[in-house]
Protein backbone atom coordinates (compact mmCIF):
# COMPACT_ATOMS: atom_id res chain seq x y z
CA UNK A 1 98.31 67.04 107.09
CA UNK A 2 98.36 65.41 110.47
CA UNK A 3 96.05 66.61 113.17
CA UNK A 4 98.59 66.02 115.94
CA UNK A 5 100.61 69.10 114.89
CA UNK A 6 97.68 71.52 114.58
CA UNK A 7 94.93 72.46 116.98
CA UNK A 8 92.62 72.95 113.99
CA UNK A 9 92.84 71.15 110.69
CA UNK A 10 91.35 74.21 108.99
CA UNK A 11 91.01 77.75 110.26
CA UNK A 12 88.70 80.00 108.22
CA UNK A 13 88.94 83.77 108.66
CA UNK A 14 85.88 85.55 107.29
CA UNK A 15 86.19 89.32 106.90
CA UNK A 16 83.48 91.27 108.71
CA UNK A 17 85.02 94.72 108.35
CA UNK A 18 82.62 97.62 108.23
CA UNK A 19 83.43 101.04 106.81
CA UNK A 20 81.20 104.10 106.56
CA UNK A 21 78.66 104.07 103.73
CA UNK A 22 80.15 105.38 100.51
CA UNK A 23 83.77 104.64 101.45
CA UNK A 24 85.87 104.41 98.27
CA UNK A 25 87.16 100.93 99.09
CA UNK A 26 83.86 99.49 100.23
CA UNK A 27 83.74 96.75 102.84
CA UNK A 28 82.82 93.11 103.15
CA UNK A 29 80.10 93.70 105.71
CA UNK A 30 78.08 95.93 103.38
CA UNK A 31 78.21 93.14 100.77
CA UNK A 32 76.51 90.53 102.96
CA UNK A 33 79.51 89.02 104.73
CA UNK A 34 77.84 88.70 108.13
CA UNK A 35 74.81 86.82 106.81
CA UNK A 36 77.06 84.50 104.80
CA UNK A 37 79.46 83.94 107.71
CA UNK A 38 76.54 83.02 109.96
CA UNK A 39 75.30 80.58 107.33
CA UNK A 40 78.80 79.09 106.99
CA UNK A 41 79.06 78.51 110.75
CA UNK A 42 75.68 76.76 110.83
CA UNK A 43 76.43 74.59 107.77
CA UNK A 44 79.90 73.64 109.06
CA UNK A 45 78.31 72.45 112.29
CA UNK A 46 75.57 70.57 110.41
CA UNK A 47 78.20 68.89 108.24
CA UNK A 48 80.15 67.91 111.34
CA UNK A 49 83.42 69.33 110.05
CA UNK A 50 86.00 68.07 112.52
CA UNK A 51 88.75 70.35 113.74
CA UNK A 52 87.50 73.29 111.68
CA UNK A 53 87.09 76.78 113.09
CA UNK A 54 85.13 79.55 111.35
CA UNK A 55 86.27 82.90 112.73
CA UNK A 56 85.26 86.50 112.27
CA UNK A 57 88.14 88.62 111.03
CA UNK A 58 88.64 92.33 110.85
CA UNK A 59 89.81 93.90 107.63
CA UNK A 60 91.73 91.46 105.42
CA UNK A 61 92.67 94.38 103.10
CA UNK A 62 91.01 93.11 99.94
CA UNK A 63 87.97 95.31 100.44
CA UNK A 64 87.18 95.99 96.79
CA UNK A 65 86.86 92.25 96.15
CA UNK A 66 84.69 91.43 99.13
CA UNK A 67 83.27 89.57 100.74
CA UNK A 68 86.46 87.60 101.21
CA UNK A 69 87.82 84.82 103.42
CA UNK A 70 91.12 83.02 103.82
CA UNK A 71 91.56 79.39 104.86
CA UNK A 72 94.66 78.22 106.70
CA UNK A 73 96.96 76.37 106.84
CA UNK A 74 96.94 76.54 103.02
CA UNK A 75 96.41 80.29 102.82
CA UNK A 76 93.72 79.95 100.13
CA UNK A 77 91.74 83.15 99.56
CA UNK A 78 88.17 83.19 98.32
CA UNK A 79 85.63 85.76 97.20
CA UNK A 80 82.06 84.56 97.64
CA UNK A 81 78.61 86.08 97.17
CA UNK A 82 75.99 83.42 97.83
CA UNK A 83 75.09 80.52 100.08
CA UNK A 84 75.85 78.25 97.11
CA UNK A 85 79.38 79.70 97.08
CA UNK A 86 79.71 78.97 100.80
CA UNK A 87 78.45 75.41 100.24
CA UNK A 88 81.04 74.90 97.47
CA UNK A 89 83.84 76.07 99.78
CA UNK A 90 82.65 73.82 102.62
CA UNK A 91 82.09 70.75 100.46
CA UNK A 92 84.86 71.03 97.90
CA UNK A 93 87.65 72.68 99.90
CA UNK A 94 87.08 71.80 103.54
CA UNK A 95 85.64 68.32 103.02
CA UNK A 96 87.01 67.34 99.61
CA UNK A 97 90.41 69.04 99.81
CA UNK A 98 89.98 70.72 96.40
CA UNK A 99 90.32 74.44 95.75
CA UNK A 100 87.17 76.03 94.33
CA UNK A 101 88.88 77.71 91.38
CA UNK A 102 85.90 79.82 90.31
CA UNK A 103 85.96 81.55 93.71
CA UNK A 104 89.70 81.58 94.43
CA UNK A 105 91.53 84.89 94.56
CA UNK A 106 95.01 85.04 93.10
CA UNK A 107 97.79 86.88 94.95
CA UNK A 108 97.78 89.71 92.40
CA UNK A 109 94.12 90.55 92.96
């Protein structure tokens, strides 16, 4: 991918949706998404990821699987639970260009 055709090389949308407690679908925010997003933003800056933007997103409609994120331009979806998961996504996907298969969501999920 060339950087002259995109403002960002990678754009990460991290769901921060919040539903009322006990909602049948759940929500990413109640599963720690905000804490993990904040960590991801700090680590991305520490790693000096060029042309990468970590953004808060509203509902990405995969609530039962949350917390979830999607990375563009590839459109790769991830479910993550820990800071180690976030580190794997930053290091393997955003730096190394390799999908983290153990965290990747398939389209049918």
